[in-house]
Amino acid sequence: MDLSRPLKDELVLDCGTYALDLSFNRVFKLIEMLSDKEVFPIIKGYVGLMILTDVNFEEVLAPQEALEVLQLVIEEHIQPKTDKVKPIEYDLMGNPLPQLKQEEEDDIGDERPLFSFKHDSDYIYASFMQAYGIDLIDKQDNLHWRKFNALLNGLPDNTKFMNVLRIRSWKPSKHDDAKYKEEMRKLQNQYGLPDDSY
């Protein structure tokens, strides 16, 4: 997100320019629709564009074109742009943690996601209320996706959502005693995502 410029979300096609509604709840609907196996893949482009623009593109775009346009919108406006420089992580004493080599990072990339907007909505809602005093229900159709994402990434460690992420991402180490490992595994079972959320 560039704080020096206003958020300008438009879809420019040969047939016209259309405003994109990138409020966080619309993006949630899009994510849910894209993972819904009951929605035929051939119409997902049309449905996704309808969610974000309130415009039916069936008359002006072929199904494959609609999918390609939707993919471009997702890449440009929805997926966070990642920096190539990985931030340095620190342990509890403030010492830098060892950096992983590229091959080790590539192996980690196959892991399951740590959260799901659908399954973790209660934790996210409670954490926004706790940290920012923001009622996400009241902010539907008002809070932009990029603003939501920035606030989500900035949640303090003492919020429920961040505690759940910490539990899910925990991996046993040689320094953990047996009792702690058992407790963490129980918590991971309790807070784990259902298999259908991957």
Protein backbone atom coordinates (compact mmCIF):
# COMPACT_ATOMS: atom_id res chain seq x y z
CA MET A 1 0.00 0.00 0.00
CA ASP A 2 1.37 3.41 -0.99
CA LEU A 3 0.39 6.02 1.59
CA SER A 4 1.42 8.88 -0.70
CA ARG A 5 -1.39 8.14 -3.17
CA PRO A 6 -5.11 7.53 -2.88
CA LEU A 7 -6.36 4.01 -3.47
CA LYS A 8 -7.55 3.92 -7.07
CA ASP A 9 -9.16 0.66 -8.06
CA GLU A 10 -10.33 0.48 -11.64
CA LEU A 11 -10.72 -2.22 -14.22
CA VAL A 12 -9.86 -0.82 -17.65
CA LEU A 13 -11.03 -2.90 -20.61
CA ASP A 14 -11.55 -2.13 -24.30
CA CYS A 15 -15.28 -1.91 -23.60
CA GLY A 16 -14.94 0.63 -20.76
CA THR A 17 -13.60 1.49 -17.32
CA TYR A 18 -15.25 -0.06 -14.28
CA ALA A 19 -14.85 0.75 -10.59
CA LEU A 20 -13.64 -2.15 -8.46
CA ASP A 21 -15.24 -2.54 -5.04
CA LEU A 22 -12.37 -4.00 -3.03
CA SER A 23 -13.96 -3.81 0.39
CA PHE A 24 -12.67 -6.67 2.51
CA ASN A 25 -16.00 -8.52 2.64
CA ARG A 26 -16.22 -8.56 -1.18
CA VAL A 27 -12.73 -10.00 -1.37
CA PHE A 28 -13.77 -12.64 1.19
CA LYS A 29 -16.74 -13.54 -1.04
CA LEU A 30 -14.39 -13.80 -4.02
CA ILE A 31 -11.96 -16.06 -2.16
CA GLU A 32 -14.81 -18.27 -0.97
CA MET A 33 -16.34 -18.48 -4.46
CA LEU A 34 -13.02 -19.38 -6.08
CA SER A 35 -12.55 -22.31 -3.69
CA ASP A 36 -16.18 -23.48 -4.00
CA LYS A 37 -16.22 -26.77 -5.92
CA GLU A 38 -19.92 -26.35 -6.68
CA VAL A 39 -19.32 -23.28 -8.86
CA PHE A 40 -18.47 -24.39 -12.38
CA PRO A 41 -14.92 -23.31 -13.29
CA ILE A 42 -16.06 -21.89 -16.62
CA ILE A 43 -18.21 -19.23 -14.92
CA LYS A 44 -15.85 -18.33 -12.06
CA GLY A 45 -14.41 -15.43 -14.06
CA TYR A 46 -17.85 -13.92 -14.59
CA VAL A 47 -18.95 -14.47 -10.99
CA GLY A 48 -15.70 -13.05 -9.62
CA LEU A 49 -15.92 -9.92 -11.75
CA MET A 50 -19.58 -9.51 -10.77
CA ILE A 51 -18.61 -9.67 -7.07
CA LEU A 52 -16.01 -6.93 -7.53
CA THR A 53 -17.80 -4.64 -10.02
CA ASP A 54 -21.55 -5.39 -9.91
CA VAL A 55 -21.31 -5.68 -13.72
CA ASN A 56 -22.24 -8.73 -15.81
CA PHE A 57 -19.47 -9.27 -18.37
CA GLU A 58 -21.05 -12.24 -20.16
CA GLU A 59 -21.94 -10.12 -23.21
CA VAL A 60 -18.47 -8.57 -23.63
CA LEU A 61 -15.99 -11.25 -22.51
CA ALA A 62 -15.60 -14.91 -23.41
CA PRO A 63 -15.36 -17.25 -20.38
CA GLN A 64 -11.57 -17.65 -20.73
CA GLU A 65 -11.12 -13.88 -21.10
CA ALA A 66 -13.16 -13.29 -17.95
CA LEU A 67 -10.92 -15.72 -16.03
CA GLU A 68 -7.79 -14.01 -17.34
CA VAL A 69 -9.10 -10.55 -16.43
CA LEU A 70 -10.04 -11.78 -12.96
CA GLN A 71 -6.57 -13.28 -12.51
CA LEU A 72 -4.99 -9.94 -13.44
CA VAL A 73 -7.26 -8.11 -10.97
CA ILE A 74 -6.27 -10.56 -8.23
CA GLU A 75 -2.56 -10.19 -8.98
CA GLU A 76 -2.69 -6.39 -9.19
CA HIS A 77 -5.16 -5.48 -6.46
CA ILE A 78 -5.69 -8.38 -4.04
CA GLN A 79 -2.57 -10.49 -3.59
CA PRO A 80 -0.09 -8.74 -1.34
CA LYS A 81 3.09 -7.77 -3.12
CA THR A 82 5.96 -9.47 -1.33
CA ASP A 83 9.35 -7.90 -0.99
CA LYS A 84 12.36 -9.91 -2.08
CA VAL A 85 14.21 -8.99 1.13
CA LYS A 86 13.03 -11.13 4.01
CA PRO A 87 12.81 -9.27 7.33
CA ILE A 88 15.16 -10.35 10.09
CA GLU A 89 13.39 -12.30 12.83
CA TYR A 90 14.50 -12.10 16.47
CA ASP A 91 14.26 -14.46 19.44
CA LEU A 92 12.81 -13.45 22.83
CA MET A 93 16.17 -12.02 23.93
CA GLY A 94 16.36 -9.77 20.85
CA ASN A 95 19.03 -11.82 19.07
CA PRO A 96 18.68 -12.33 15.30
CA LEU A 97 17.56 -15.84 14.39
CA PRO A 98 19.62 -17.76 11.82
CA GLN A 99 18.45 -17.16 8.26
CA LEU A 100 17.29 -20.16 6.24
CA LYS A 101 19.06 -21.00 3.02
CA GLN A 102 16.97 -20.74 -0.16
CA GLU A 103 16.62 -24.54 -0.46
CA GLU A 104 15.25 -24.78 3.10
CA GLU A 105 12.78 -21.97 2.39
CA ASP A 106 11.63 -23.75 -0.77
CA ASP A 107 10.92 -26.90 1.29
CA ILE A 108 8.84 -24.88 3.75
CA GLY A 109 6.71 -23.45 0.94
CA ASP A 110 4.72 -26.69 0.71
CA GLU A 111 3.13 -26.20 4.13
CA ARG A 112 -0.58 -25.74 4.64
CA PRO A 113 -1.86 -22.22 5.22
CA LEU A 114 -1.95 -21.06 8.84
CA PHE A 115 -5.38 -19.48 8.60
CA SER A 116 -8.60 -19.29 6.66
CA PHE A 117 -10.74 -16.17 6.44
CA LYS A 118 -13.82 -18.39 6.50
CA HIS A 119 -12.90 -20.58 9.47
CA ASP A 120 -11.09 -17.92 11.49
CA SER A 121 -13.60 -15.11 11.07
CA ASP A 122 -14.53 -15.10 14.78
CA TYR A 123 -10.87 -14.82 15.83
CA ILE A 124 -10.24 -12.05 13.28
CA TYR A 125 -13.38 -10.16 14.32
CA ALA A 126 -12.51 -10.39 18.03
CA SER A 127 -8.91 -9.37 17.40
CA PHE A 128 -9.88 -6.27 15.38
CA MET A 129 -12.30 -5.28 18.13
CA GLN A 130 -9.67 -5.87 20.84
CA ALA A 131 -6.75 -4.16 19.09
CA TYR A 132 -8.42 -1.35 17.14
CA GLY A 133 -11.98 -1.04 18.42
CA ILE A 134 -13.14 -1.81 14.87
CA ASP A 135 -16.39 -3.71 14.40
CA LEU A 136 -15.82 -5.48 11.09
CA ILE A 137 -19.54 -6.07 10.61
CA ASP A 138 -20.11 -2.31 10.68
CA LYS A 139 -17.19 -1.80 8.27
CA GLN A 140 -18.51 -4.11 5.54
CA ASP A 141 -18.50 -2.35 2.15
CA ASN A 142 -16.40 0.46 3.71
CA LEU A 143 -13.04 -0.94 4.81
CA HIS A 144 -10.76 -1.41 1.79
CA TRP A 145 -9.02 -4.77 1.35
CA ARG A 146 -5.53 -3.23 1.52
CA LYS A 147 -6.38 -1.36 4.73
CA PHE A 148 -7.86 -4.53 6.20
CA ASN A 149 -4.74 -6.49 5.24
CA ALA A 150 -2.43 -3.88 6.78
CA LEU A 151 -4.41 -3.97 10.03
CA LEU A 152 -4.48 -7.78 10.01
CA ASN A 153 -0.70 -7.94 9.53
CA GLY A 154 -0.22 -5.41 12.33
CA LEU A 155 -2.30 -7.19 14.96
CA PRO A 156 -0.53 -7.28 18.33
CA ASP A 157 0.73 -10.59 19.68
CA ASN A 158 -1.76 -10.58 22.56
CA THR A 159 -4.83 -10.92 20.29
CA LYS A 160 -6.71 -14.20 19.93
CA PHE A 161 -5.98 -14.48 16.20
CA MET A 162 -2.23 -14.09 16.71
CA ASN A 163 -2.29 -16.63 19.56
CA VAL A 164 -4.06 -19.12 17.28
CA LEU A 165 -1.47 -18.52 14.53
CA ARG A 166 1.34 -19.04 17.02
CA ILE A 167 -0.21 -22.37 18.11
CA ARG A 168 -0.72 -23.57 14.53
CA SER A 169 2.80 -22.63 13.44
CA TRP A 170 4.53 -24.20 16.47
CA LYS A 171 7.03 -26.96 15.72
CA PRO A 172 8.69 -29.00 18.46
CA SER A 173 12.31 -28.22 19.24
CA LYS A 174 14.93 -30.09 21.22
CA HIS A 175 14.61 -27.48 23.98
CA ASP A 176 10.91 -28.21 24.63
CA ASP A 177 10.15 -30.67 27.42
CA ALA A 178 7.69 -33.54 26.93
CA LYS A 179 4.88 -31.87 28.88
CA TYR A 180 5.11 -28.67 26.81
CA LYS A 181 5.15 -30.66 23.55
CA GLU A 182 2.06 -32.61 24.61
CA GLU A 183 0.22 -29.42 25.58
CA MET A 184 1.09 -27.74 22.28
CA ARG A 185 -0.07 -30.77 20.27
CA LYS A 186 -3.40 -30.71 22.13
CA LEU A 187 -3.76 -27.00 21.34
CA GLN A 188 -2.89 -27.64 17.68
CA ASN A 189 -5.62 -30.26 17.51
CA GLN A 190 -8.07 -27.90 19.19
CA TYR A 191 -7.27 -24.92 16.95
CA GLY A 192 -6.37 -26.75 13.74
CA LEU A 193 -8.13 -25.89 10.51
CA PRO A 194 -10.50 -28.46 9.02
CA ASP A 195 -9.13 -30.31 6.00
CA ASP A 196 -11.63 -28.64 3.65
CA SER A 197 -10.05 -25.23 4.23
CA TYR A 198 -6.92 -26.02 2.20
